[in-house]
PDB file of all heavy atoms in Angstrom:
ATOM      1  N   VAL A   1      45.713 -65.929  21.614  1.00  0.00           N
ATOM      2  CA  VAL A   1      44.451 -66.495  21.061  1.00  0.00           C
ATOM      3  C   VAL A   1      43.523 -65.377  20.667  1.00  0.00           C
ATOM      4  O   VAL A   1      43.229 -64.488  21.496  1.00  0.00           O
ATOM      5  CB  VAL A   1      43.798 -67.436  22.079  1.00  0.00           C
ATOM      6  CG1 VAL A   1      42.436 -67.868  21.597  1.00  0.00           C
ATOM      7  CG2 VAL A   1      44.685 -68.658  22.347  1.00  0.00           C
ATOM      8  N   PRO A   2      42.950 -65.394  19.468  1.00  0.00           N
ATOM      9  CA  PRO A   2      41.972 -64.340  19.068  1.00  0.00           C
ATOM     10  C   PRO A   2      40.654 -64.582  19.804  1.00  0.00           C
ATOM     11  O   PRO A   2      40.450 -65.587  20.477  1.00  0.00           O
ATOM     12  CB  PRO A   2      41.831 -64.566  17.566  1.00  0.00           C
ATOM     13  CG  PRO A   2      42.239 -65.972  17.323  1.00  0.00           C
ATOM     14  CD  PRO A   2      43.311 -66.283  18.347  1.00  0.00           C
ATOM     15  N   GLY A   3      39.746 -63.631  19.614  1.00  0.00           N
ATOM     16  CA  GLY A   3      38.506 -63.646  20.404  1.00  0.00           C
ATOM     17  C   GLY A   3      37.594 -64.793  20.119  1.00  0.00           C
ATOM     18  O   GLY A   3      37.286 -65.592  21.014  1.00  0.00           O
ATOM     19  N   GLN A   4      37.100 -64.910  18.868  1.00  0.00           N
ATOM     20  CA  GLN A   4      36.089 -65.895  18.539  1.00  0.00           C
ATOM     21  C   GLN A   4      36.744 -67.153  17.923  1.00  0.00           C
ATOM     22  O   GLN A   4      37.113 -67.142  16.753  1.00  0.00           O
ATOM     23  CB  GLN A   4      35.070 -65.318  17.570  1.00  0.00           C
ATOM     24  CG  GLN A   4      34.144 -64.279  18.206  1.00  0.00           C
ATOM     25  CD  GLN A   4      33.276 -64.873  19.293  1.00  0.00           C
ATOM     26  OE1 GLN A   4      33.257 -64.345  20.388  1.00  0.00           O
ATOM     27  NE2 GLN A   4      32.588 -65.951  19.027  1.00  0.00           N
ATOM     28  N   ILE A   5      36.877 -68.211  18.722  1.00  0.00           N
ATOM     29  CA  ILE A   5      37.496 -69.428  18.264  1.00  0.00           C
ATOM     30  C   ILE A   5      36.764 -70.650  18.848  1.00  0.00           C
ATOM     31  O   ILE A   5      35.901 -70.504  19.725  1.00  0.00           O
ATOM     32  CB  ILE A   5      38.972 -69.520  18.654  1.00  0.00           C
ATOM     33  CG1 ILE A   5      39.088 -69.566  20.200  1.00  0.00           C
ATOM     34  CG2 ILE A   5      39.764 -68.361  18.097  1.00  0.00           C
ATOM     35  CD1 ILE A   5      40.415 -70.003  20.717  1.00  0.00           C
ATOM     36  N   TRP A   6      37.143 -71.811  18.350  1.00  0.00           N
ATOM     37  CA  TRP A   6      36.716 -73.076  18.953  1.00  0.00           C
ATOM     38  C   TRP A   6      37.959 -73.786  19.466  1.00  0.00           C
ATOM     39  O   TRP A   6      38.694 -74.423  18.731  1.00  0.00           O
ATOM     40  CB  TRP A   6      36.019 -73.944  17.912  1.00  0.00           C
ATOM     41  CG  TRP A   6      35.557 -75.271  18.448  1.00  0.00           C
ATOM     42  CD1 TRP A   6      35.234 -75.573  19.729  1.00  0.00           C
ATOM     43  CD2 TRP A   6      35.437 -76.490  17.692  1.00  0.00           C
ATOM     44  NE1 TRP A   6      34.882 -76.894  19.833  1.00  0.00           N
ATOM     45  CE2 TRP A   6      34.958 -77.465  18.602  1.00  0.00           C
ATOM     46  CE3 TRP A   6      35.614 -76.819  16.364  1.00  0.00           C
ATOM     47  CZ2 TRP A   6      34.717 -78.771  18.224  1.00  0.00           C
ATOM     48  CZ3 TRP A   6      35.350 -78.108  15.974  1.00  0.00           C
ATOM     49  CH2 TRP A   6      34.926 -79.089  16.879  1.00  0.00           C
ATOM     50  N   PRO A   7      38.242 -73.660  20.780  1.00  0.00           N
ATOM     51  CA  PRO A   7      39.441 -74.325  21.342  1.00  0.00           C
ATOM     52  C   PRO A   7      39.228 -75.827  21.439  1.00  0.00           C
ATOM     53  O   PRO A   7      38.188 -76.286  21.932  1.00  0.00           O
ATOM     54  CB  PRO A   7      39.567 -73.693  22.712  1.00  0.00           C
ATOM     55  CG  PRO A   7      38.194 -73.226  23.065  1.00  0.00           C
ATOM     56  CD  PRO A   7      37.526 -72.851  21.791  1.00  0.00           C
ATOM     57  N   VAL A   8      40.193 -76.586  20.989  1.00  0.00           N
ATOM     58  CA  VAL A   8      40.044 -78.047  21.005  1.00  0.00           C
ATOM     59  C   VAL A   8      41.177 -78.750  21.724  1.00  0.00           C
ATOM     60  O   VAL A   8      41.076 -79.957  21.990  1.00  0.00           O
ATOM     61  CB  VAL A   8      39.981 -78.616  19.527  1.00  0.00           C
ATOM     62  CG1 VAL A   8      38.725 -78.132  18.861  1.00  0.00           C
ATOM     63  CG2 VAL A   8      41.220 -78.241  18.750  1.00  0.00           C
ATOM     64  N   ASP A   9      42.197 -78.026  22.126  1.00  0.00           N
ATOM     65  CA  ASP A   9      43.348 -78.671  22.783  1.00  0.00           C
ATOM     66  C   ASP A   9      44.142 -77.660  23.602  1.00  0.00           C
ATOM     67  O   ASP A   9      44.254 -76.490  23.194  1.00  0.00           O
ATOM     68  CB  ASP A   9      44.259 -79.336  21.781  1.00  0.00           C
ATOM     69  CG  ASP A   9      45.355 -80.161  22.428  1.00  0.00           C
ATOM     70  OD1 ASP A   9      45.098 -80.791  23.480  1.00  0.00           O
ATOM     71  OD2 ASP A   9      46.492 -80.228  21.894  1.00  0.00           O
ATOM     72  N   TYR A  10      44.653 -78.087  24.752  1.00  0.00           N
ATOM     73  CA  TYR A  10      45.506 -77.258  25.598  1.00  0.00           C
ATOM     74  C   TYR A  10      46.728 -78.084  25.980  1.00  0.00           C
ATOM     75  O   TYR A  10      46.630 -79.224  26.372  1.00  0.00           O
ATOM     76  CB  TYR A  10      44.758 -76.837  26.866  1.00  0.00           C
ATOM     77  CG  TYR A  10      43.567 -75.934  26.632  1.00  0.00           C
ATOM     78  CD1 TYR A  10      42.305 -76.481  26.473  1.00  0.00           C
ATOM     79  CD2 TYR A  10      43.726 -74.562  26.616  1.00  0.00           C
ATOM     80  CE1 TYR A  10      41.210 -75.655  26.238  1.00  0.00           C
ATOM     81  CE2 TYR A  10      42.642 -73.725  26.403  1.00  0.00           C
ATOM     82  CZ  TYR A  10      41.389 -74.289  26.227  1.00  0.00           C
ATOM     83  OH  TYR A  10      40.300 -73.442  26.001  1.00  0.00           O
ATOM     84  N   GLN A  11      47.897 -77.451  25.814  1.00  0.00           N
ATOM     85  CA  GLN A  11      49.155 -78.111  26.148  1.00  0.00           C
ATOM     86  C   GLN A  11      49.953 -77.204  27.065  1.00  0.00           C
ATOM     87  O   GLN A  11      50.216 -76.048  26.739  1.00  0.00           O
ATOM     88  CB  GLN A  11      49.973 -78.412  24.885  1.00  0.00           C
ATOM     89  CG  GLN A  11      49.272 -79.337  23.907  1.00  0.00           C
ATOM     90  CD  GLN A  11      50.103 -79.557  22.664  1.00  0.00           C
ATOM     91  OE1 GLN A  11      51.286 -79.215  22.623  1.00  0.00           O
ATOM     92  NE2 GLN A  11      49.485 -80.128  21.636  1.00  0.00           N
ATOM     93  N   ARG A  12      50.339 -77.727  28.245  1.00  0.00           N
ATOM     94  CA  ARG A  12      51.126 -76.976  29.184  1.00  0.00           C
ATOM     95  C   ARG A  12      52.608 -77.291  29.047  1.00  0.00           C
ATOM     96  O   ARG A  12      52.987 -78.441  28.770  1.00  0.00           O
ATOM     97  CB  ARG A  12      50.681 -77.237  30.604  1.00  0.00           C
ATOM     98  CG  ARG A  12      49.226 -76.848  30.881  1.00  0.00           C
ATOM     99  CD  ARG A  12      48.887 -77.020  32.370  1.00  0.00           C
ATOM    100  NE  ARG A  12      47.515 -76.573  32.612  1.00  0.00           N
ATOM    101  CZ  ARG A  12      47.181 -75.300  32.858  1.00  0.00           C
ATOM    102  NH1 ARG A  12      48.115 -74.356  32.902  1.00  0.00           N
ATOM    103  NH2 ARG A  12      45.927 -74.985  33.088  1.00  0.00           N
ATOM    104  N   TYR A  13      53.457 -76.255  29.169  1.00  0.00           N
ATOM    105  CA  TYR A  13      54.874 -76.496  29.108  1.00  0.00           C
ATOM    106  C   TYR A  13      55.594 -75.422  29.983  1.00  0.00           C
ATOM    107  O   TYR A  13      54.989 -74.401  30.329  1.00  0.00           O
ATOM    108  CB  TYR A  13      55.385 -76.394  27.674  1.00  0.00           C
ATOM    109  CG  TYR A  13      55.353 -75.018  27.043  1.00  0.00           C
ATOM    110  CD1 TYR A  13      56.487 -74.233  26.995  1.00  0.00           C
ATOM    111  CD2 TYR A  13      54.161 -74.527  26.527  1.00  0.00           C
ATOM    112  CE1 TYR A  13      56.420 -72.966  26.435  1.00  0.00           C
ATOM    113  CE2 TYR A  13      54.105 -73.263  25.968  1.00  0.00           C
ATOM    114  CZ  TYR A  13      55.256 -72.498  25.920  1.00  0.00           C
ATOM    115  OH  TYR A  13      55.178 -71.230  25.383  1.00  0.00           O
ATOM    116  N   ASP A  14      56.824 -75.685  30.322  1.00  0.00           N
ATOM    117  CA  ASP A  14      57.589 -74.781  31.140  1.00  0.00           C
ATOM    118  C   ASP A  14      58.531 -73.975  30.263  1.00  0.00           C
ATOM    119  O   ASP A  14      59.225 -74.546  29.388  1.00  0.00           O
ATOM    120  CB  ASP A  14      58.416 -75.540  32.208  1.00  0.00           C
ATOM    121  CG  ASP A  14      57.514 -76.206  33.246  1.00  0.00           C
ATOM    122  OD1 ASP A  14      56.440 -75.629  33.515  1.00  0.00           O
ATOM    123  OD2 ASP A  14      57.862 -77.268  33.740  1.00  0.00           O
ATOM    124  N   ASP A  15      58.559 -72.659  30.468  1.00  0.00           N
ATOM    125  CA  ASP A  15      59.422 -71.780  29.687  1.00  0.00           C
ATOM    126  C   ASP A  15      60.425 -71.136  30.621  1.00  0.00           C
ATOM    127  O   ASP A  15      60.083 -70.525  31.648  1.00  0.00           O
ATOM    128  CB  ASP A  15      58.558 -70.675  29.030  1.00  0.00           C
ATOM    129  CG  ASP A  15      59.370 -69.861  28.047  1.00  0.00           C
ATOM    130  OD1 ASP A  15      60.471 -70.261  27.670  1.00  0.00           O
ATOM    131  OD2 ASP A  15      58.863 -68.770  27.651  1.00  0.00           O
ATOM    132  N   LEU A  16      61.692 -71.326  30.279  1.00  0.00           N
ATOM    133  CA  LEU A  16      62.806 -70.774  31.120  1.00  0.00           C
ATOM    134  C   LEU A  16      63.173 -69.396  30.613  1.00  0.00           C
ATOM    135  O   LEU A  16      63.618 -69.232  29.491  1.00  0.00           O
ATOM    136  CB  LEU A  16      63.992 -71.720  31.032  1.00  0.00           C
ATOM    137  CG  LEU A  16      65.185 -71.379  31.941  1.00  0.00           C
ATOM    138  CD1 LEU A  16      64.786 -71.394  33.429  1.00  0.00           C
ATOM    139  CD2 LEU A  16      66.353 -72.306  31.682  1.00  0.00           C
ATOM    140  N   VAL A  17      62.993 -68.367  31.450  1.00  0.00           N
ATOM    141  CA  VAL A  17      63.296 -66.987  31.095  1.00  0.00           C
ATOM    142  C   VAL A  17      64.153 -66.394  32.222  1.00  0.00           C
ATOM    143  O   VAL A  17      63.686 -66.254  33.355  1.00  0.00           O
ATOM    144  CB  VAL A  17      61.991 -66.160  30.906  1.00  0.00           C
ATOM    145  CG1 VAL A  17      62.343 -64.694  30.564  1.00  0.00           C
ATOM    146  CG2 VAL A  17      61.113 -66.773  29.828  1.00  0.00           C
ATOM    147  N   ASP A  18      65.392 -66.001  31.847  1.00  0.00           N
ATOM    148  CA  ASP A  18      66.314 -65.383  32.804  1.00  0.00           C
ATOM    149  C   ASP A  18      66.468 -66.219  34.070  1.00  0.00           C
ATOM    150  O   ASP A  18      66.469 -65.725  35.212  1.00  0.00           O
ATOM    151  CB  ASP A  18      65.843 -63.992  33.191  1.00  0.00           C
ATOM    152  CG  ASP A  18      65.845 -63.042  31.995  1.00  0.00           C
ATOM    153  OD1 ASP A  18      66.676 -63.243  31.105  1.00  0.00           O
ATOM    154  OD2 ASP A  18      65.014 -62.099  31.988  1.00  0.00           O
ATOM    155  N   GLY A  19      66.589 -67.516  33.876  1.00  0.00           N
ATOM    156  CA  GLY A  19      66.786 -68.403  35.014  1.00  0.00           C
ATOM    157  C   GLY A  19      65.533 -68.733  35.771  1.00  0.00           C
ATOM    158  O   GLY A  19      65.622 -69.520  36.738  1.00  0.00           O
ATOM    159  N   GLU A  20      64.365 -68.202  35.399  1.00  0.00           N
ATOM    160  CA  GLU A  20      63.146 -68.500  36.100  1.00  0.00           C
ATOM    161  C   GLU A  20      62.223 -69.342  35.182  1.00  0.00           C
ATOM    162  O   GLU A  20      62.172 -69.130  33.969  1.00  0.00           O
ATOM    163  CB  GLU A  20      62.404 -67.231  36.503  1.00  0.00           C
ATOM    164  CG  GLU A  20      63.179 -66.391  37.519  1.00  0.00           C
ATOM    165  CD  GLU A  20      62.359 -65.224  38.031  1.00  0.00           C
ATOM    166  OE1 GLU A  20      61.118 -65.394  38.125  1.00  0.00           O
ATOM    167  OE2 GLU A  20      62.930 -64.178  38.315  1.00  0.00           O
ATOM    168  N   VAL A  21      61.487 -70.225  35.789  1.00  0.00           N
ATOM    169  CA  VAL A  21      60.611 -71.106  35.057  1.00  0.00           C
ATOM    170  C   VAL A  21      59.172 -70.557  35.133  1.00  0.00           C
ATOM    171  O   VAL A  21      58.659 -70.272  36.216  1.00  0.00           O
ATOM    172  CB  VAL A  21      60.636 -72.548  35.635  1.00  0.00           C
ATOM    173  CG1 VAL A  21      59.640 -73.412  34.905  1.00  0.00           C
ATOM    174  CG2 VAL A  21      62.039 -73.120  35.536  1.00  0.00           C
ATOM    175  N   PHE A  22      58.585 -70.379  33.963  1.00  0.00           N
ATOM    176  CA  PHE A  22      57.216 -69.899  33.868  1.00  0.00           C
ATOM    177  C   PHE A  22      56.338 -70.969  33.201  1.00  0.00           C
ATOM    178  O   PHE A  22      56.720 -71.535  32.179  1.00  0.00           O
ATOM    179  CB  PHE A  22      57.119 -68.594  33.058  1.00  0.00           C
ATOM    180  CG  PHE A  22      57.836 -67.432  33.704  1.00  0.00           C
ATOM    181  CD1 PHE A  22      59.206 -67.213  33.456  1.00  0.00           C
ATOM    182  CD2 PHE A  22      57.150 -66.598  34.568  1.00  0.00           C
ATOM    183  CE1 PHE A  22      59.834 -66.132  34.064  1.00  0.00           C
ATOM    184  CE2 PHE A  22      57.801 -65.519  35.195  1.00  0.00           C
ATOM    185  CZ  PHE A  22      59.140 -65.304  34.924  1.00  0.00           C
ATOM    186  N   GLY A  23      55.182 -71.185  33.759  1.00  0.00           N
ATOM    187  CA  GLY A  23      54.234 -72.103  33.136  1.00  0.00           C
ATOM    188  C   GLY A  23      53.507 -71.441  31.986  1.00  0.00           C
ATOM    189  O   GLY A  23      52.983 -70.331  32.138  1.00  0.00           O
ATOM    190  N   ARG A  24      53.523 -72.071  30.842  1.00  0.00           N
ATOM    191  CA  ARG A  24      52.885 -71.531  29.635  1.00  0.00           C
ATOM    192  C   ARG A  24      51.833 -72.520  29.154  1.00  0.00           C
ATOM    193  O   ARG A  24      51.893 -73.730  29.449  1.00  0.00           O
ATOM    194  CB  ARG A  24      53.870 -71.293  28.532  1.00  0.00           C
ATOM    195  CG  ARG A  24      55.041 -70.393  28.906  1.00  0.00           C
ATOM    196  CD  ARG A  24      54.620 -68.945  29.096  1.00  0.00           C
ATOM    197  NE  ARG A  24      55.787 -68.061  29.244  1.00  0.00           N
ATOM    198  CZ  ARG A  24      55.694 -66.774  29.543  1.00  0.00           C
ATOM    199  NH1 ARG A  24      54.522 -66.211  29.691  1.00  0.00           N
ATOM    200  NH2 ARG A  24      56.782 -66.056  29.696  1.00  0.00           N
ATOM    201  N   VAL A  25      50.930 -72.021  28.358  1.00  0.00           N
ATOM    202  CA  VAL A  25      49.855 -72.845  27.786  1.00  0.00           C
ATOM    203  C   VAL A  25      49.788 -72.614  26.292  1.00  0.00           C
ATOM    204  O   VAL A  25      49.693 -71.424  25.861  1.00  0.00           O
ATOM    205  CB  VAL A  25      48.486 -72.561  28.415  1.00  0.00           C
ATOM    206  CG1 VAL A  25      47.406 -73.406  27.737  1.00  0.00           C
ATOM    207  CG2 VAL A  25      48.534 -72.856  29.909  1.00  0.00           C
ATOM    208  N   LEU A  26      49.830 -73.694  25.532  1.00  0.00           N
ATOM    209  CA  LEU A  26      49.560 -73.607  24.074  1.00  0.00           C
ATOM    210  C   LEU A  26      48.116 -74.039  23.842  1.00  0.00           C
ATOM    211  O   LEU A  26      47.671 -75.046  24.384  1.00  0.00           O
ATOM    212  CB  LEU A  26      50.542 -74.501  23.304  1.00  0.00           C
ATOM    213  CG  LEU A  26      52.015 -74.097  23.231  1.00  0.00           C
ATOM    214  CD1 LEU A  26      52.811 -75.182  22.531  1.00  0.00           C
ATOM    215  CD2 LEU A  26      52.137 -72.761  22.508  1.00  0.00           C
ATOM    216  N   VAL A  27      47.453 -73.265  23.000  1.00  0.00           N
ATOM    217  CA  VAL A  27      46.042 -73.547  22.712  1.00  0.00           C
ATOM    218  C   VAL A  27      45.907 -73.967  21.241  1.00  0.00           C
ATOM    219  O   VAL A  27      46.370 -73.247  20.356  1.00  0.00           O
ATOM    220  CB  VAL A  27      45.139 -72.300  22.970  1.00  0.00           C
ATOM    221  CG1 VAL A  27      43.701 -72.597  22.622  1.00  0.00           C
ATOM    222  CG2 VAL A  27      45.274 -71.846  24.415  1.00  0.00           C
ATOM    223  N   GLY A  28      45.306 -75.140  21.039  1.00  0.00           N
ATOM    224  CA  GLY A  28      44.959 -75.577  19.685  1.00  0.00           C
ATOM    225  C   GLY A  28      43.532 -75.201  19.401  1.00  0.00           C
ATOM    226  O   GLY A  28      42.613 -75.489  20.214  1.00  0.00           O
ATOM    227  N   TYR A  29      43.268 -74.549  18.297  1.00  0.00           N
ATOM    228  CA  TYR A  29      41.903 -74.055  18.024  1.00  0.00           C
ATOM    229  C   TYR A  29      41.629 -74.036  16.539  1.00  0.00           C
ATOM    230  O   TYR A  29      42.514 -74.101  15.700  1.00  0.00           O
ATOM    231  CB  TYR A  29      41.750 -72.639  18.574  1.00  0.00           C
ATOM    232  CG  TYR A  29      42.502 -71.572  17.827  1.00  0.00           C
ATOM    233  CD1 TYR A  29      41.873 -70.821  16.805  1.00  0.00           C
ATOM    234  CD2 TYR A  29      43.840 -71.291  18.082  1.00  0.00           C
ATOM    235  CE1 TYR A  29      42.554 -69.863  16.091  1.00  0.00           C
ATOM    236  CE2 TYR A  29      44.519 -70.305  17.366  1.00  0.00           C
ATOM    237  CZ  TYR A  29      43.883 -69.628  16.387  1.00  0.00           C
ATOM    238  OH  TYR A  29      44.543 -68.647  15.667  1.00  0.00           O
ATOM    239  N   HIS A  30      40.327 -73.988  16.268  1.00  0.00           N
ATOM    240  CA  HIS A  30      39.822 -73.775  14.891  1.00  0.00           C
ATOM    241  C   HIS A  30      39.188 -72.388  14.815  1.00  0.00           C
ATOM    242  O   HIS A  30      38.315 -72.085  15.619  1.00  0.00           O
ATOM    243  CB  HIS A  30      38.788 -74.823  14.495  1.00  0.00           C
ATOM    244  CG  HIS A  30      39.327 -76.209  14.416  1.00  0.00           C
ATOM    245  ND1 HIS A  30      40.270 -76.576  13.459  1.00  0.00           N
ATOM    246  CD2 HIS A  30      39.083 -77.322  15.133  1.00  0.00           C
ATOM    247  CE1 HIS A  30      40.578 -77.870  13.610  1.00  0.00           C
ATOM    248  NE2 HIS A  30      39.852 -78.337  14.602  1.00  0.00           N
ATOM    249  N   PRO A  31      39.629 -71.555  13.908  1.00  0.00           N
ATOM    250  CA  PRO A  31      39.017 -70.239  13.777  1.00  0.00           C
ATOM    251  C   PRO A  31      37.628 -70.317  13.144  1.00  0.00           C
ATOM    252  O   PRO A  31      37.310 -71.300  12.425  1.00  0.00           O
ATOM    253  CB  PRO A  31      39.987 -69.492  12.849  1.00  0.00           C
ATOM    254  CG  PRO A  31      40.631 -70.551  12.031  1.00  0.00           C
ATOM    255  CD  PRO A  31      40.751 -71.774  12.933  1.00  0.00           C
ATOM    256  N   ASP A  32      36.833 -69.291  13.368  1.00  0.00           N
ATOM    257  CA  ASP A  32      35.485 -69.278  12.805  1.00  0.00           C
ATOM    258  C   ASP A  32      35.498 -69.262  11.294  1.00  0.00           C
ATOM    259  O   ASP A  32      34.468 -69.630  10.686  1.00  0.00           O
ATOM    260  CB  ASP A  32      34.731 -68.035  13.323  1.00  0.00           C
ATOM    261  CG  ASP A  32      34.372 -68.176  14.824  1.00  0.00           C
ATOM    262  OD1 ASP A  32      34.671 -69.231  15.391  1.00  0.00           O
ATOM    263  OD2 ASP A  32      33.811 -67.240  15.390  1.00  0.00           O
ATOM    264  N   SER A  33      36.599 -68.880  10.672  1.00  0.00           N
ATOM    265  CA  SER A  33      36.688 -68.862   9.213  1.00  0.00           C
ATOM    266  C   SER A  33      36.580 -70.263   8.625  1.00  0.00           C
ATOM    267  O   SER A  33      36.378 -70.431   7.410  1.00  0.00           O
ATOM    268  CB  SER A  33      37.970 -68.195   8.764  1.00  0.00           C
ATOM    269  OG  SER A  33      39.090 -68.899   9.264  1.00  0.00           O
ATOM    270  N   ARG A  34      36.706 -71.308   9.447  1.00  0.00           N
ATOM    271  CA  ARG A  34      36.598 -72.665   8.945  1.00  0.00           C
ATOM    272  C   ARG A  34      35.145 -73.200   8.975  1.00  0.00           C
ATOM    273  O   ARG A  34      34.925 -74.369   8.709  1.00  0.00           O
ATOM    274  CB  ARG A  34      37.500 -73.606   9.788  1.00  0.00           C
ATOM    275  CG  ARG A  34      38.981 -73.358   9.560  1.00  0.00           C
ATOM    276  CD  ARG A  34      39.849 -74.313  10.342  1.00  0.00           C
ATOM    277  NE  ARG A  34      41.247 -74.153  10.001  1.00  0.00           N
ATOM    278  CZ  ARG A  34      42.273 -74.776  10.578  1.00  0.00           C
ATOM    279  NH1 ARG A  34      42.015 -75.674  11.546  1.00  0.00           N
ATOM    280  NH2 ARG A  34      43.492 -74.580  10.183  1.00  0.00           N
ATOM    281  N   PHE A  35      34.228 -72.332   9.289  1.00  0.00           N
ATOM    282  CA  PHE A  35      32.822 -72.751   9.393  1.00  0.00           C
ATOM    283  C   PHE A  35      32.355 -73.404   8.082  1.00  0.00           C
ATOM    284  O   PHE A  35      31.873 -74.525   8.081  1.00  0.00           O
ATOM    285  CB  PHE A  35      31.921 -71.579   9.731  1.00  0.00           C
ATOM    286  CG  PHE A  35      30.469 -71.889   9.728  1.00  0.00           C
ATOM    287  CD1 PHE A  35      29.880 -72.554  10.810  1.00  0.00           C
ATOM    288  CD2 PHE A  35      29.673 -71.574   8.626  1.00  0.00           C
ATOM    289  CE1 PHE A  35      28.528 -72.873  10.790  1.00  0.00           C
ATOM    290  CE2 PHE A  35      28.325 -71.902   8.591  1.00  0.00           C
ATOM    291  CZ  PHE A  35      27.759 -72.544   9.684  1.00  0.00           C
ATOM    292  N   TRP A  36      32.486 -72.670   6.967  1.00  0.00           N
ATOM    293  CA  TRP A  36      31.968 -73.218   5.696  1.00  0.00           C
ATOM    294  C   TRP A  36      32.746 -74.436   5.207  1.00  0.00           C
ATOM    295  O   TRP A  36      32.137 -75.405   4.716  1.00  0.00           O
ATOM    296  CB  TRP A  36      31.878 -72.139   4.657  1.00  0.00           C
ATOM    297  CG  TRP A  36      30.719 -71.206   4.863  1.00  0.00           C
ATOM    298  CD1 TRP A  36      30.753 -69.872   5.246  1.00  0.00           C
ATOM    299  CD2 TRP A  36      29.314 -71.549   4.791  1.00  0.00           C
ATOM    300  NE1 TRP A  36      29.442 -69.391   5.383  1.00  0.00           N
ATOM    301  CE2 TRP A  36      28.585 -70.385   5.105  1.00  0.00           C
ATOM    302  CE3 TRP A  36      28.642 -72.704   4.485  1.00  0.00           C
ATOM    303  CZ2 TRP A  36      27.176 -70.355   5.115  1.00  0.00           C
ATOM    304  CZ3 TRP A  36      27.254 -72.700   4.458  1.00  0.00           C
ATOM    305  CH2 TRP A  36      26.558 -71.546   4.794  1.00  0.00           C
ATOM    306  N   PRO A  37      34.104 -74.430   5.256  1.00  0.00           N
ATOM    307  CA  PRO A  37      34.811 -75.676   4.892  1.00  0.00           C
ATOM    308  C   PRO A  37      34.348 -76.862   5.719  1.00  0.00           C
ATOM    309  O   PRO A  37      34.143 -77.956   5.173  1.00  0.00           O
ATOM    310  CB  PRO A  37      36.276 -75.320   5.121  1.00  0.00           C
ATOM    311  CG  PRO A  37      36.344 -73.845   4.940  1.00  0.00           C
ATOM    312  CD  PRO A  37      35.043 -73.327   5.481  1.00  0.00           C
ATOM    313  N   PHE A  38      34.179 -76.700   7.031  1.00  0.00           N
ATOM    314  CA  PHE A  38      33.728 -77.795   7.871  1.00  0.00           C
ATOM    315  C   PHE A  38      32.289 -78.207   7.537  1.00  0.00           C
ATOM    316  O   PHE A  38      31.936 -79.383   7.598  1.00  0.00           O
ATOM    317  CB  PHE A  38      33.835 -77.425   9.350  1.00  0.00           C
ATOM    318  CG  PHE A  38      35.252 -77.529   9.889  1.00  0.00           C
ATOM    319  CD1 PHE A  38      36.339 -77.601   9.051  1.00  0.00           C
ATOM    320  CD2 PHE A  38      35.464 -77.539  11.247  1.00  0.00           C
ATOM    321  CE1 PHE A  38      37.645 -77.698   9.536  1.00  0.00           C
ATOM    322  CE2 PHE A  38      36.735 -77.636  11.772  1.00  0.00           C
ATOM    323  CZ  PHE A  38      37.846 -77.716  10.934  1.00  0.00           C
TER     324      PHE A  38
END
């Protein structure tokens, strides 16, 4: 995730790496570049 954003959603999922399960988070966000379109 970049520095200046507007986070609007978080999704957790499990990632299997070398037989081990790691908790990961996906972040849904709007970048500041969408200010004028919005």
